[in-house]
Amino acid sequence: MQGAVFTAFSDMIIEKMGMETLDELIDTTNPESGGAYTAGGNYADSELFNMVGALSEKTNIPAGELVRAFGEYLFEKLYNSCPADVSQIKDLKTFLLAIDSVIHKEVKRLYPQAYLPTFDYDETPDGNLTIIYNSDRKLCELAEGLIVGAAEHFSQPIQLTHPDCLHRGDKHCKIKVEFQ
């Protein structure tokens, strides 16, 4: 997993819970990297999953909720460091439709080894959007949080539903975005 995700996770823990909590998570999970992350590095997925699990146990907050909150936090960091010029995109729907074809395409150009989720889209006649999420990592809660973060960025109220989910044995996740 890209180091930018790890550095943002570390930043969020420090901002919301303090450096002591981050140190405790690193001590508890004993990551192979030693917990020293750089944005340009690449780290084992298990390091993040283990820290989320340990944080869930410590806080009694379900792991999915923590991952969703992290997605919201992560959005602005990714947006501000996006390798594709997305500054001309002025609305949430256009931005969401550009993730796979514009943003991920540019990320893959810069980081060929990056493993990114794939998205397919179904625009409904009423103007809403169904996002089909696929990834072996099953980080659909992160995708939800990122969508909520994007909605906040574009000042677009939304309602999310997640009727199909990899965690429930479905072949992919469907995240429905209803624009308010």
C-alpha atoms as a PDB file:
ATOM      1  CA  MET A   1       0.000   0.000   0.000  1.00  0.00           C
ATOM      2  CA  GLN A   2       1.227   3.500  -0.815  1.00  0.00           C
ATOM      3  CA  GLY A   3       3.078   5.309   1.945  1.00  0.00           C
ATOM      4  CA  ALA A   4       0.845   8.379   1.604  1.00  0.00           C
ATOM      5  CA  VAL A   5      -1.982   6.315   3.109  1.00  0.00           C
ATOM      6  CA  PHE A   6       0.196   5.349   6.085  1.00  0.00           C
ATOM      7  CA  THR A   7       1.469   8.869   6.696  1.00  0.00           C
ATOM      8  CA  ALA A   8      -2.091  10.212   6.582  1.00  0.00           C
ATOM      9  CA  PHE A   9      -3.280   7.500   8.986  1.00  0.00           C
ATOM     10  CA  SER A  10      -0.442   8.376  11.371  1.00  0.00           C
ATOM     11  CA  ASP A  11      -1.295  12.090  11.067  1.00  0.00           C
ATOM     12  CA  MET A  12      -4.946  11.413  11.831  1.00  0.00           C
ATOM     13  CA  ILE A  13      -4.127   9.340  14.909  1.00  0.00           C
ATOM     14  CA  ILE A  14      -1.781  12.041  16.217  1.00  0.00           C
ATOM     15  CA  GLU A  15      -4.313  14.845  15.548  1.00  0.00           C
ATOM     16  CA  LYS A  16      -7.333  13.032  16.990  1.00  0.00           C
ATOM     17  CA  MET A  17      -5.810  10.852  19.730  1.00  0.00           C
ATOM     18  CA  GLY A  18      -2.259  11.976  20.350  1.00  0.00           C
ATOM     19  CA  MET A  19       1.243  10.737  19.661  1.00  0.00           C
ATOM     20  CA  GLU A  20       1.029   8.328  22.603  1.00  0.00           C
ATOM     21  CA  THR A  21      -1.788   6.429  20.879  1.00  0.00           C
ATOM     22  CA  LEU A  22       0.211   6.115  17.669  1.00  0.00           C
ATOM     23  CA  ASP A  23       3.246   4.890  19.618  1.00  0.00           C
ATOM     24  CA  GLU A  24       1.036   2.380  21.426  1.00  0.00           C
ATOM     25  CA  LEU A  25      -0.403   1.100  18.122  1.00  0.00           C
ATOM     26  CA  ILE A  26       3.081   0.654  16.704  1.00  0.00           C
ATOM     27  CA  ASP A  27       4.264  -1.132  19.854  1.00  0.00           C
ATOM     28  CA  THR A  28       1.167  -3.357  19.887  1.00  0.00           C
ATOM     29  CA  THR A  29       1.276  -4.330  16.203  1.00  0.00           C
ATOM     30  CA  ASN A  30       5.068  -4.397  15.754  1.00  0.00           C
ATOM     31  CA  PRO A  31       4.957  -3.598  12.009  1.00  0.00           C
ATOM     32  CA  GLU A  32       7.717  -4.894   9.761  1.00  0.00           C
ATOM     33  CA  SER A  33       8.551  -1.294   8.792  1.00  0.00           C
ATOM     34  CA  GLY A  34       8.942  -0.312  12.431  1.00  0.00           C
ATOM     35  CA  GLY A  35       6.174   2.235  11.936  1.00  0.00           C
ATOM     36  CA  ALA A  36       8.431   4.723  10.138  1.00  0.00           C
ATOM     37  CA  TYR A  37       6.462   5.676   7.036  1.00  0.00           C
ATOM     38  CA  THR A  38       7.277   7.971   4.131  1.00  0.00           C
ATOM     39  CA  ALA A  39       4.765   9.175   1.551  1.00  0.00           C
ATOM     40  CA  GLY A  40       6.794   7.688  -1.323  1.00  0.00           C
ATOM     41  CA  GLY A  41       7.254   4.297   0.317  1.00  0.00           C
ATOM     42  CA  ASN A  42       5.296   1.109  -0.163  1.00  0.00           C
ATOM     43  CA  TYR A  43       4.237  -0.975   2.844  1.00  0.00           C
ATOM     44  CA  ALA A  44       2.447  -4.232   3.568  1.00  0.00           C
ATOM     45  CA  ASP A  45      -1.340  -3.898   3.735  1.00  0.00           C
ATOM     46  CA  SER A  46      -1.261  -5.940   6.926  1.00  0.00           C
ATOM     47  CA  GLU A  47       0.471  -3.086   8.762  1.00  0.00           C
ATOM     48  CA  LEU A  48      -2.525  -0.801   8.284  1.00  0.00           C
ATOM     49  CA  PHE A  49      -5.064  -3.573   8.884  1.00  0.00           C
ATOM     50  CA  ASN A  50      -3.311  -4.578  12.118  1.00  0.00           C
ATOM     51  CA  MET A  51      -3.210  -0.988  13.375  1.00  0.00           C
ATOM     52  CA  VAL A  52      -6.905  -0.484  12.582  1.00  0.00           C
ATOM     53  CA  GLY A  53      -7.700  -3.725  14.433  1.00  0.00           C
ATOM     54  CA  ALA A  54      -5.655  -2.653  17.468  1.00  0.00           C
ATOM     55  CA  LEU A  55      -7.255   0.804  17.426  1.00  0.00           C
ATOM     56  CA  SER A  56     -10.700  -0.774  17.215  1.00  0.00           C
ATOM     57  CA  GLU A  57      -9.946  -2.899  20.276  1.00  0.00           C
ATOM     58  CA  LYS A  58      -8.537   0.090  22.174  1.00  0.00           C
ATOM     59  CA  THR A  59     -11.456   2.430  21.389  1.00  0.00           C
ATOM     60  CA  ASN A  60     -14.334  -0.080  21.086  1.00  0.00           C
ATOM     61  CA  ILE A  61     -15.155   1.529  17.739  1.00  0.00           C
ATOM     62  CA  PRO A  62     -15.872  -1.013  14.974  1.00  0.00           C
ATOM     63  CA  ALA A  63     -13.030  -1.275  12.450  1.00  0.00           C
ATOM     64  CA  GLY A  64     -15.327  -0.351   9.551  1.00  0.00           C
ATOM     65  CA  GLU A  65     -16.316   2.877  11.299  1.00  0.00           C
ATOM     66  CA  LEU A  66     -12.655   3.753  11.874  1.00  0.00           C
ATOM     67  CA  VAL A  67     -11.796   3.068   8.245  1.00  0.00           C
ATOM     68  CA  ARG A  68     -14.740   5.196   7.071  1.00  0.00           C
ATOM     69  CA  ALA A  69     -13.625   8.087   9.311  1.00  0.00           C
ATOM     70  CA  PHE A  70     -10.097   7.695   7.986  1.00  0.00           C
ATOM     71  CA  GLY A  71     -11.433   7.922   4.418  1.00  0.00           C
ATOM     72  CA  GLU A  72     -13.091  11.242   5.222  1.00  0.00           C
ATOM     73  CA  TYR A  73      -9.844  12.517   6.716  1.00  0.00           C
ATOM     74  CA  LEU A  74      -7.755  11.139   3.837  1.00  0.00           C
ATOM     75  CA  PHE A  75      -9.740  12.833   1.074  1.00  0.00           C
ATOM     76  CA  GLU A  76      -8.237  16.329   1.363  1.00  0.00           C
ATOM     77  CA  LYS A  77      -4.715  14.939   1.670  1.00  0.00           C
ATOM     78  CA  LEU A  78      -5.111  12.901  -1.506  1.00  0.00           C
ATOM     79  CA  TYR A  79      -6.921  15.704  -3.313  1.00  0.00           C
ATOM     80  CA  ASN A  80      -4.173  18.203  -2.476  1.00  0.00           C
ATOM     81  CA  SER A  81      -1.456  15.842  -3.687  1.00  0.00           C
ATOM     82  CA  CYS A  82      -3.350  14.435  -6.664  1.00  0.00           C
ATOM     83  CA  PRO A  83      -1.004  13.747  -9.589  1.00  0.00           C
ATOM     84  CA  ALA A  84      -3.780  14.607 -12.064  1.00  0.00           C
ATOM     85  CA  ASP A  85      -5.003  18.179 -12.420  1.00  0.00           C
ATOM     86  CA  VAL A  86      -8.489  17.986 -10.956  1.00  0.00           C
ATOM     87  CA  SER A  87      -8.753  21.700 -10.145  1.00  0.00           C
ATOM     88  CA  GLN A  88     -11.050  22.291 -13.119  1.00  0.00           C
ATOM     89  CA  ILE A  89     -13.606  19.805 -11.743  1.00  0.00           C
ATOM     90  CA  LYS A  90     -16.244  21.829  -9.931  1.00  0.00           C
ATOM     91  CA  ASP A  91     -18.846  19.241  -8.902  1.00  0.00           C
ATOM     92  CA  LEU A  92     -18.888  15.986  -6.971  1.00  0.00           C
ATOM     93  CA  LYS A  93     -20.450  13.771  -9.634  1.00  0.00           C
ATOM     94  CA  THR A  94     -17.892  14.752 -12.277  1.00  0.00           C
ATOM     95  CA  PHE A  95     -15.121  14.182  -9.747  1.00  0.00           C
ATOM     96  CA  LEU A  96     -16.390  10.717  -8.805  1.00  0.00           C
ATOM     97  CA  LEU A  97     -16.668   9.754 -12.470  1.00  0.00           C
ATOM     98  CA  ALA A  98     -13.036  10.841 -12.992  1.00  0.00           C
ATOM     99  CA  ILE A  99     -11.520   8.658 -10.272  1.00  0.00           C
ATOM    100  CA  ASP A 100     -10.901   5.525 -12.303  1.00  0.00           C
ATOM    101  CA  SER A 101     -10.308   7.071 -15.726  1.00  0.00           C
ATOM    102  CA  VAL A 102      -8.264  10.154 -14.761  1.00  0.00           C
ATOM    103  CA  ILE A 103      -6.890  10.014 -11.219  1.00  0.00           C
ATOM    104  CA  HIS A 104      -6.074   6.306 -10.977  1.00  0.00           C
ATOM    105  CA  LYS A 105      -4.676   6.341 -14.506  1.00  0.00           C
ATOM    106  CA  GLU A 106      -2.188   9.059 -13.499  1.00  0.00           C
ATOM    107  CA  VAL A 107      -1.332   7.324 -10.209  1.00  0.00           C
ATOM    108  CA  LYS A 108      -0.524   4.133 -12.157  1.00  0.00           C
ATOM    109  CA  ARG A 109       1.657   6.101 -14.548  1.00  0.00           C
ATOM    110  CA  LEU A 110       3.699   7.480 -11.651  1.00  0.00           C
ATOM    111  CA  TYR A 111       3.584   4.360  -9.477  1.00  0.00           C
ATOM    112  CA  PRO A 112       3.271   1.328 -11.778  1.00  0.00           C
ATOM    113  CA  GLN A 113       3.410  -1.054  -8.806  1.00  0.00           C
ATOM    114  CA  ALA A 114       0.415   0.602  -7.088  1.00  0.00           C
ATOM    115  CA  TYR A 115      -2.554  -1.696  -6.532  1.00  0.00           C
ATOM    116  CA  LEU A 116      -5.685   0.413  -6.870  1.00  0.00           C
ATOM    117  CA  PRO A 117      -9.334  -0.524  -6.625  1.00  0.00           C
ATOM    118  CA  THR A 118     -11.403  -0.418  -9.784  1.00  0.00           C
ATOM    119  CA  PHE A 119     -14.673   1.431 -10.201  1.00  0.00           C
ATOM    120  CA  ASP A 120     -17.495   1.059 -12.666  1.00  0.00           C
ATOM    121  CA  TYR A 121     -20.378   3.477 -12.697  1.00  0.00           C
ATOM    122  CA  ASP A 122     -24.082   3.349 -13.353  1.00  0.00           C
ATOM    123  CA  GLU A 123     -25.832   6.691 -13.672  1.00  0.00           C
ATOM    124  CA  THR A 124     -29.504   6.407 -12.856  1.00  0.00           C
ATOM    125  CA  PRO A 125     -32.216   8.352 -14.738  1.00  0.00           C
ATOM    126  CA  ASP A 126     -32.800  10.527 -11.650  1.00  0.00           C
ATOM    127  CA  GLY A 127     -29.180  11.748 -11.798  1.00  0.00           C
ATOM    128  CA  ASN A 128     -27.845   9.608  -8.967  1.00  0.00           C
ATOM    129  CA  LEU A 129     -24.816   7.353  -9.226  1.00  0.00           C
ATOM    130  CA  THR A 130     -24.088   3.746  -8.355  1.00  0.00           C
ATOM    131  CA  ILE A 131     -20.388   3.017  -7.953  1.00  0.00           C
ATOM    132  CA  ILE A 132     -19.293  -0.594  -8.390  1.00  0.00           C
ATOM    133  CA  TYR A 133     -16.180  -1.062  -6.230  1.00  0.00           C
ATOM    134  CA  ASN A 134     -13.791  -3.996  -6.682  1.00  0.00           C
ATOM    135  CA  SER A 135     -10.625  -4.676  -4.726  1.00  0.00           C
ATOM    136  CA  ASP A 136      -9.012  -7.671  -3.081  1.00  0.00           C
ATOM    137  CA  ARG A 137      -8.300  -5.355  -0.133  1.00  0.00           C
ATOM    138  CA  LYS A 138     -12.039  -4.952   0.515  1.00  0.00           C
ATOM    139  CA  LEU A 139     -11.609  -1.346   1.679  1.00  0.00           C
ATOM    140  CA  CYS A 140     -15.100  -0.294   0.661  1.00  0.00           C
ATOM    141  CA  GLU A 141     -15.521   1.578   3.963  1.00  0.00           C
ATOM    142  CA  LEU A 142     -12.479   3.653   2.987  1.00  0.00           C
ATOM    143  CA  ALA A 143     -14.145   4.375  -0.367  1.00  0.00           C
ATOM    144  CA  GLU A 144     -17.303   5.464   1.473  1.00  0.00           C
ATOM    145  CA  GLY A 145     -15.296   7.819   3.663  1.00  0.00           C
ATOM    146  CA  LEU A 146     -13.472   9.236   0.663  1.00  0.00           C
ATOM    147  CA  ILE A 147     -16.821   9.872  -1.057  1.00  0.00           C
ATOM    148  CA  VAL A 148     -18.129  11.662   2.047  1.00  0.00           C
ATOM    149  CA  GLY A 149     -14.905  13.704   2.187  1.00  0.00           C
ATOM    150  CA  ALA A 150     -15.326  14.598  -1.486  1.00  0.00           C
ATOM    151  CA  ALA A 151     -18.949  15.607  -0.875  1.00  0.00           C
ATOM    152  CA  GLU A 152     -17.786  17.938   1.894  1.00  0.00           C
ATOM    153  CA  HIS A 153     -15.072  19.356  -0.367  1.00  0.00           C
ATOM    154  CA  PHE A 154     -17.567  20.111  -3.142  1.00  0.00           C
ATOM    155  CA  SER A 155     -20.261  21.252  -0.654  1.00  0.00           C
ATOM    156  CA  GLN A 156     -22.637  18.631  -2.062  1.00  0.00           C
ATOM    157  CA  PRO A 157     -25.026  16.943   0.377  1.00  0.00           C
ATOM    158  CA  ILE A 158     -25.386  13.228  -0.360  1.00  0.00           C
ATOM    159  CA  GLN A 159     -26.966  10.088   0.995  1.00  0.00           C
ATOM    160  CA  LEU A 160     -24.941   6.852   0.729  1.00  0.00           C
ATOM    161  CA  THR A 161     -26.233   3.302   0.744  1.00  0.00           C
ATOM    162  CA  HIS A 162     -24.179   0.143   0.350  1.00  0.00           C
ATOM    163  CA  PRO A 163     -26.607  -2.617  -0.701  1.00  0.00           C
ATOM    164  CA  ASP A 164     -23.996  -5.101  -2.012  1.00  0.00           C
ATOM    165  CA  CYS A 165     -20.725  -5.703  -0.188  1.00  0.00           C
ATOM    166  CA  LEU A 166     -17.655  -7.896  -0.548  1.00  0.00           C
ATOM    167  CA  HIS A 167     -17.709  -8.348   3.236  1.00  0.00           C
ATOM    168  CA  ARG A 168     -21.132 -10.011   2.950  1.00  0.00           C
ATOM    169  CA  GLY A 169     -20.002 -12.352   0.172  1.00  0.00           C
ATOM    170  CA  ASP A 170     -21.197 -10.311  -2.797  1.00  0.00           C
ATOM    171  CA  LYS A 171     -18.998 -10.348  -5.920  1.00  0.00           C
ATOM    172  CA  HIS A 172     -18.404  -6.577  -5.602  1.00  0.00           C
ATOM    173  CA  CYS A 173     -19.579  -3.601  -3.599  1.00  0.00           C
ATOM    174  CA  LYS A 174     -22.289  -1.272  -4.820  1.00  0.00           C
ATOM    175  CA  ILE A 175     -22.165   2.157  -3.258  1.00  0.00           C
ATOM    176  CA  LYS A 176     -25.174   4.252  -4.196  1.00  0.00           C
ATOM    177  CA  VAL A 177     -24.704   8.002  -4.088  1.00  0.00           C
ATOM    178  CA  GLU A 178     -27.909  10.011  -3.946  1.00  0.00           C
ATOM    179  CA  PHE A 179     -27.304  13.700  -4.593  1.00  0.00           C
ATOM    180  CA  GLN A 180     -29.485  15.905  -2.377  1.00  0.00           C
END
